[in-house]
Amino acid sequence: MAAKPGEKLIDCLIRECCEETGYLVEVHKLVYMRECFMDENVHRVECMFTASIIEETETTNMDHNQLGVEWIELSTIKDEPLFPKELRRLIESLHQGNHEQVYLGEIE
């Protein structure tokens, strides 16, 4: 997800979800933030929010490497190929009502 110049993070999230998944969402709260060092010149900060689907629209702008969109059950999250792997446990824990710290730093 990349924000456009002057675009707020929440507005970017709503736009990108709609473009890449076809879902118009209502954003609720920031639950996790992680850092990722792609190489010596790239420091990426990822923010993860909870959200609800308001409406299904049409996917208009999938990423060039994106194969599709799939809705998965939170009860099976530990078995999904989600990266980084630690997110599986964190999301499952959040779903069970246990929320750990928001800032995760760099996780595997």
Protein backbone atom coordinates (compact mmCIF):
# COMPACT_ATOMS: atom_id res chain seq x y z
CA MET A 1 0.00 0.00 0.00
CA ALA A 2 1.37 3.36 -0.93
CA ALA A 3 -0.14 6.66 0.08
CA LYS A 4 -0.50 9.36 -2.52
CA PRO A 5 1.05 12.76 -1.71
CA GLY A 6 -1.15 14.46 0.89
CA GLU A 7 -3.27 11.33 1.47
CA LYS A 8 -3.93 10.35 5.09
CA LEU A 9 -3.13 6.80 6.14
CA ILE A 10 -6.78 5.85 6.82
CA ASP A 11 -7.90 7.25 3.44
CA CYS A 12 -5.09 5.33 1.74
CA LEU A 13 -6.17 2.10 3.47
CA ILE A 14 -9.79 2.54 2.36
CA ARG A 15 -8.75 3.32 -1.22
CA GLU A 16 -6.23 0.48 -1.49
CA CYS A 17 -8.65 -2.09 -0.01
CA CYS A 18 -11.29 -1.08 -2.52
CA GLU A 19 -8.88 -1.09 -5.48
CA GLU A 20 -7.12 -4.36 -4.65
CA THR A 21 -9.90 -6.44 -3.05
CA GLY A 22 -13.13 -4.90 -4.26
CA TYR A 23 -14.28 -4.28 -0.68
CA LEU A 24 -15.22 -0.86 0.68
CA VAL A 25 -14.21 -0.94 4.35
CA GLU A 26 -14.77 1.00 7.54
CA VAL A 27 -11.46 1.26 9.41
CA HIS A 28 -11.63 0.72 13.17
CA LYS A 29 -8.29 0.82 14.96
CA LEU A 30 -4.57 0.35 14.56
CA VAL A 31 -3.63 -3.03 16.03
CA TYR A 32 -0.07 -3.62 14.87
CA MET A 33 2.88 -1.72 13.44
CA ARG A 34 6.02 -3.47 12.23
CA GLU A 35 9.26 -2.43 10.62
CA CYS A 36 10.89 -4.22 7.73
CA PHE A 37 14.34 -3.60 6.29
CA MET A 38 14.09 -4.76 2.67
CA ASP A 39 17.75 -3.95 1.97
CA GLU A 40 20.27 -1.33 3.10
CA ASN A 41 18.33 1.45 1.31
CA VAL A 42 14.74 0.47 2.14
CA HIS A 43 13.13 0.84 5.57
CA ARG A 44 9.43 0.01 5.38
CA VAL A 45 6.86 0.60 8.14
CA GLU A 46 3.68 -1.52 7.94
CA CYS A 47 0.51 -0.61 9.85
CA MET A 48 -2.26 -3.16 10.41
CA PHE A 49 -5.80 -2.14 11.26
CA THR A 50 -9.06 -3.86 12.05
CA ALA A 51 -11.85 -3.03 9.63
CA SER A 52 -15.34 -4.08 8.59
CA ILE A 53 -16.62 -4.63 5.07
CA ILE A 54 -19.29 -2.07 4.22
CA GLU A 55 -19.90 -2.98 0.60
CA GLU A 56 -18.55 -5.22 -2.14
CA THR A 57 -17.48 -3.32 -5.24
CA GLU A 58 -15.30 -4.20 -8.21
CA THR A 59 -11.56 -4.88 -7.98
CA THR A 60 -9.99 -2.17 -10.12
CA ASN A 61 -6.25 -2.14 -9.51
CA MET A 62 -4.66 -5.35 -8.21
CA ASP A 63 -0.90 -5.29 -7.61
CA HIS A 64 1.07 -6.70 -10.55
CA ASN A 65 2.09 -9.80 -8.51
CA GLN A 66 -1.37 -10.27 -6.97
CA LEU A 67 -3.07 -13.49 -8.06
CA GLY A 68 -6.48 -12.82 -6.56
CA VAL A 69 -8.45 -12.21 -3.38
CA GLU A 70 -9.51 -14.86 -0.91
CA TRP A 71 -11.60 -14.49 2.24
CA ILE A 72 -10.22 -16.75 4.98
CA GLU A 73 -11.64 -17.71 8.35
CA LEU A 74 -9.74 -16.37 11.36
CA SER A 75 -10.03 -19.82 12.94
CA THR A 76 -7.66 -21.17 10.25
CA ILE A 77 -5.17 -18.28 10.25
CA LYS A 78 -2.37 -20.41 11.78
CA ASP A 79 -2.44 -22.66 8.70
CA GLU A 80 -2.33 -19.87 6.12
CA PRO A 81 0.85 -18.86 4.23
CA LEU A 82 0.99 -15.45 5.87
CA PHE A 83 4.24 -13.49 6.07
CA PRO A 84 5.84 -12.81 8.43
CA LYS A 85 5.00 -16.09 10.17
CA GLU A 86 4.63 -14.46 13.60
CA LEU A 87 1.58 -12.55 12.31
CA ARG A 88 -0.38 -15.82 12.31
CA ARG A 89 -0.04 -16.15 16.08
CA LEU A 90 -0.63 -12.44 16.71
CA ILE A 91 -3.82 -12.33 14.62
CA GLU A 92 -5.13 -15.52 16.22
CA SER A 93 -4.40 -14.06 19.67
CA LEU A 94 -6.15 -10.79 18.74
CA HIS A 95 -9.18 -12.74 17.50
CA GLN A 96 -9.33 -14.53 20.87
CA GLY A 97 -9.43 -11.18 22.69
CA ASN A 98 -5.78 -11.05 23.71
CA HIS A 99 -4.08 -7.98 22.33
CA GLU A 100 -0.38 -7.56 22.79
CA GLN A 101 1.62 -4.43 22.10
CA VAL A 102 0.96 -2.42 18.95
CA TYR A 103 4.61 -1.81 18.02
CA LEU A 104 6.18 -5.10 16.91
CA GLY A 105 9.52 -3.88 15.61
CA GLU A 106 11.11 -6.31 13.16
CA ILE A 107 9.53 -9.78 13.40
CA GLU A 108 10.07 -13.02 11.50
